[in-house]
Amino acid sequence: MGKHASQRTLVEMRHSYDFATVSRFMAADLPPTVRHEMVEFVQHELLIEKWMRGQPMLDVAAANFRWS
């Protein structure tokens, strides 16, 4: 969980770094259902062709990002 820009509301934050860190150092400690959910998240929300997003487009911070 992280704080929204207003600093008053806690919102779920998911990031590719979280996936990389948890899968590298904690995979053996996670139940198979959690590991499966993590892989599904990456496959369906982060991977696009030959690229991997840092955050899913459904994330408030990523959705508001604009290339300049």
N, C-alpha and C. Protein backbone atom coordinates (compact mmCIF):
# COMPACT_ATOMS: atom_id res chain seq x y z
N MET A 1 0.84 -1.17 0.00
CA MET A 1 0.00 0.00 0.00
C MET A 1 0.89 1.24 0.00
N GLY A 2 0.39 2.25 -0.63
CA GLY A 2 1.10 3.52 -0.66
C GLY A 2 0.12 4.65 -0.52
N LYS A 3 0.63 5.82 -0.32
CA LYS A 3 -0.25 6.98 -0.17
C LYS A 3 -0.49 7.64 -1.52
N HIS A 4 -1.72 8.00 -1.74
CA HIS A 4 -2.12 8.73 -2.93
C HIS A 4 -1.54 10.13 -2.86
N ALA A 5 -1.53 10.82 -3.97
CA ALA A 5 -0.95 12.17 -4.04
C ALA A 5 -1.49 13.09 -2.95
N SER A 6 -2.72 12.88 -2.55
CA SER A 6 -3.32 13.73 -1.51
C SER A 6 -2.69 13.46 -0.15
N GLN A 7 -1.93 12.36 -0.03
CA GLN A 7 -1.29 11.95 1.23
C GLN A 7 -2.30 11.58 2.31
N ARG A 8 -3.55 11.40 1.94
CA ARG A 8 -4.57 11.04 2.93
C ARG A 8 -5.15 9.66 2.69
N THR A 9 -5.04 9.18 1.46
CA THR A 9 -5.69 7.94 1.09
C THR A 9 -4.65 6.87 0.76
N LEU A 10 -4.78 5.71 1.39
CA LEU A 10 -3.91 4.60 1.03
C LEU A 10 -4.49 3.89 -0.18
N VAL A 11 -3.65 3.64 -1.17
CA VAL A 11 -4.07 2.94 -2.38
C VAL A 11 -3.09 1.82 -2.67
N GLU A 12 -3.58 0.78 -3.33
CA GLU A 12 -2.73 -0.33 -3.72
C GLU A 12 -1.77 0.15 -4.80
N MET A 13 -0.50 -0.19 -4.64
CA MET A 13 0.51 0.17 -5.63
C MET A 13 1.20 -1.12 -6.06
N ARG A 14 1.24 -1.37 -7.35
CA ARG A 14 1.90 -2.57 -7.87
C ARG A 14 2.93 -2.13 -8.89
N HIS A 15 4.09 -2.75 -8.88
CA HIS A 15 5.18 -2.31 -9.73
C HIS A 15 6.01 -3.51 -10.16
N SER A 16 6.67 -3.40 -11.29
CA SER A 16 7.52 -4.48 -11.78
C SER A 16 8.67 -4.77 -10.81
N TYR A 17 9.15 -3.75 -10.11
CA TYR A 17 10.23 -3.96 -9.14
C TYR A 17 9.77 -4.88 -8.01
N ASP A 18 8.53 -4.71 -7.57
CA ASP A 18 7.99 -5.59 -6.53
C ASP A 18 7.99 -7.04 -7.01
N PHE A 19 7.53 -7.25 -8.24
CA PHE A 19 7.50 -8.60 -8.80
C PHE A 19 8.91 -9.18 -8.87
N ALA A 20 9.86 -8.41 -9.39
CA ALA A 20 11.23 -8.90 -9.54
C ALA A 20 11.85 -9.25 -8.19
N THR A 21 11.66 -8.39 -7.21
CA THR A 21 12.25 -8.60 -5.89
C THR A 21 11.61 -9.79 -5.18
N VAL A 22 10.31 -9.82 -5.14
CA VAL A 22 9.62 -10.91 -4.44
C VAL A 22 9.87 -12.24 -5.14
N SER A 23 9.81 -12.27 -6.46
CA SER A 23 10.02 -13.54 -7.16
C SER A 23 11.46 -14.03 -7.01
N ARG A 24 12.40 -13.13 -6.89
CA ARG A 24 13.81 -13.51 -6.75
C ARG A 24 14.14 -14.00 -5.34
N PHE A 25 13.61 -13.33 -4.34
CA PHE A 25 14.04 -13.62 -2.98
C PHE A 25 13.00 -14.30 -2.09
N MET A 26 11.75 -14.35 -2.51
CA MET A 26 10.72 -14.91 -1.63
C MET A 26 9.85 -15.97 -2.28
N ALA A 27 10.11 -16.33 -3.52
CA ALA A 27 9.24 -17.26 -4.25
C ALA A 27 8.99 -18.56 -3.48
N ALA A 28 10.03 -19.10 -2.89
CA ALA A 28 9.88 -20.37 -2.16
C ALA A 28 8.98 -20.24 -0.93
N ASP A 29 8.82 -19.04 -0.42
CA ASP A 29 8.00 -18.81 0.77
C ASP A 29 6.53 -18.54 0.45
N LEU A 30 6.21 -18.36 -0.82
CA LEU A 30 4.84 -18.02 -1.21
C LEU A 30 4.05 -19.26 -1.60
N PRO A 31 2.76 -19.28 -1.27
CA PRO A 31 1.92 -20.39 -1.71
C PRO A 31 1.78 -20.36 -3.24
N PRO A 32 1.55 -21.51 -3.85
CA PRO A 32 1.41 -21.57 -5.31
C PRO A 32 0.35 -20.61 -5.86
N THR A 33 -0.73 -20.39 -5.13
CA THR A 33 -1.77 -19.48 -5.64
C THR A 33 -1.25 -18.05 -5.75
N VAL A 34 -0.45 -17.61 -4.81
CA VAL A 34 0.11 -16.26 -4.84
C VAL A 34 1.11 -16.13 -5.98
N ARG A 35 1.96 -17.15 -6.15
CA ARG A 35 2.92 -17.12 -7.27
C ARG A 35 2.19 -17.04 -8.60
N HIS A 36 1.12 -17.81 -8.72
CA HIS A 36 0.32 -17.79 -9.95
C HIS A 36 -0.29 -16.41 -10.19
N GLU A 37 -0.84 -15.79 -9.14
CA GLU A 37 -1.42 -14.45 -9.27
C GLU A 37 -0.37 -13.43 -9.69
N MET A 38 0.84 -13.57 -9.18
CA MET A 38 1.91 -12.64 -9.54
C MET A 38 2.27 -12.77 -11.03
N VAL A 39 2.37 -14.00 -11.51
CA VAL A 39 2.70 -14.22 -12.92
C VAL A 39 1.56 -13.71 -13.80
N GLU A 40 0.33 -13.96 -13.41
CA GLU A 40 -0.82 -13.47 -14.16
C GLU A 40 -0.81 -11.94 -14.25
N PHE A 41 -0.48 -11.28 -13.16
CA PHE A 41 -0.39 -9.82 -13.13
C PHE A 41 0.62 -9.33 -14.16
N VAL A 42 1.80 -9.92 -14.17
CA VAL A 42 2.83 -9.49 -15.12
C VAL A 42 2.40 -9.78 -16.55
N GLN A 43 1.89 -10.97 -16.80
CA GLN A 43 1.52 -11.34 -18.16
C GLN A 43 0.38 -10.48 -18.72
N HIS A 44 -0.58 -10.15 -17.88
CA HIS A 44 -1.77 -9.45 -18.36
C HIS A 44 -1.74 -7.94 -18.21
N GLU A 45 -0.89 -7.44 -17.30
CA GLU A 45 -0.90 -6.00 -17.05
C GLU A 45 0.42 -5.29 -17.34
N LEU A 46 1.52 -6.03 -17.41
CA LEU A 46 2.81 -5.37 -17.61
C LEU A 46 3.46 -5.68 -18.96
N LEU A 47 3.34 -6.91 -19.42
CA LEU A 47 4.02 -7.28 -20.66
C LEU A 47 3.24 -6.83 -21.89
N ILE A 48 3.94 -6.16 -22.80
CA ILE A 48 3.36 -5.78 -24.09
C ILE A 48 4.41 -6.03 -25.16
N GLU A 49 4.12 -6.98 -26.03
CA GLU A 49 5.04 -7.38 -27.09
C GLU A 49 6.45 -7.60 -26.54
N LYS A 50 7.40 -6.73 -26.85
CA LYS A 50 8.78 -6.89 -26.40
C LYS A 50 9.15 -5.92 -25.29
N TRP A 51 8.19 -5.48 -24.54
CA TRP A 51 8.39 -4.45 -23.53
C TRP A 51 7.69 -4.84 -22.24
N MET A 52 8.19 -4.33 -21.13
CA MET A 52 7.53 -4.54 -19.84
C MET A 52 7.36 -3.19 -19.17
N ARG A 53 6.12 -2.86 -18.87
CA ARG A 53 5.83 -1.61 -18.17
C ARG A 53 6.31 -1.70 -16.73
N GLY A 54 6.59 -0.55 -16.13
CA GLY A 54 6.93 -0.51 -14.71
C GLY A 54 5.70 -0.65 -13.85
N GLN A 55 4.60 -0.03 -14.29
CA GLN A 55 3.32 -0.08 -13.58
C GLN A 55 2.22 -0.40 -14.58
N PRO A 56 1.15 -1.04 -14.12
CA PRO A 56 0.03 -1.31 -15.03
C PRO A 56 -0.68 -0.01 -15.40
N MET A 57 -1.26 0.03 -16.56
CA MET A 57 -1.98 1.22 -16.99
C MET A 57 -3.21 1.49 -16.12
N LEU A 58 -3.68 0.48 -15.39
CA LEU A 58 -4.81 0.68 -14.49
C LEU A 58 -4.40 1.42 -13.22
N ASP A 59 -3.11 1.49 -12.95
CA ASP A 59 -2.61 2.21 -11.78
C ASP A 59 -2.82 3.71 -11.99
N VAL A 60 -3.28 4.39 -10.97
CA VAL A 60 -3.57 5.82 -11.08
C VAL A 60 -2.34 6.61 -11.53
N ALA A 61 -1.19 6.32 -10.96
CA ALA A 61 0.02 7.06 -11.31
C ALA A 61 0.42 6.81 -12.76
N ALA A 62 0.33 5.57 -13.21
CA ALA A 62 0.72 5.26 -14.60
C ALA A 62 -0.29 5.82 -15.59
N ALA A 63 -1.57 5.77 -15.25
CA ALA A 63 -2.60 6.25 -16.15
C ALA A 63 -2.50 7.75 -16.38
N ASN A 64 -1.97 8.47 -15.42
CA ASN A 64 -1.84 9.91 -15.55
C ASN A 64 -0.54 10.34 -16.20
N PHE A 65 0.35 9.38 -16.51
CA PHE A 65 1.64 9.71 -17.10
C PHE A 65 1.47 10.03 -18.58
N ARG A 66 2.14 11.06 -19.03
CA ARG A 66 2.14 11.45 -20.44
C ARG A 66 3.55 11.64 -20.90
N TRP A 67 3.91 11.07 -22.05
CA TRP A 67 5.22 11.32 -22.63
C TRP A 67 5.28 12.75 -23.08
N SER A 68 6.40 13.42 -22.85
CA SER A 68 6.52 14.80 -23.30
C SER A 68 7.55 14.91 -24.40
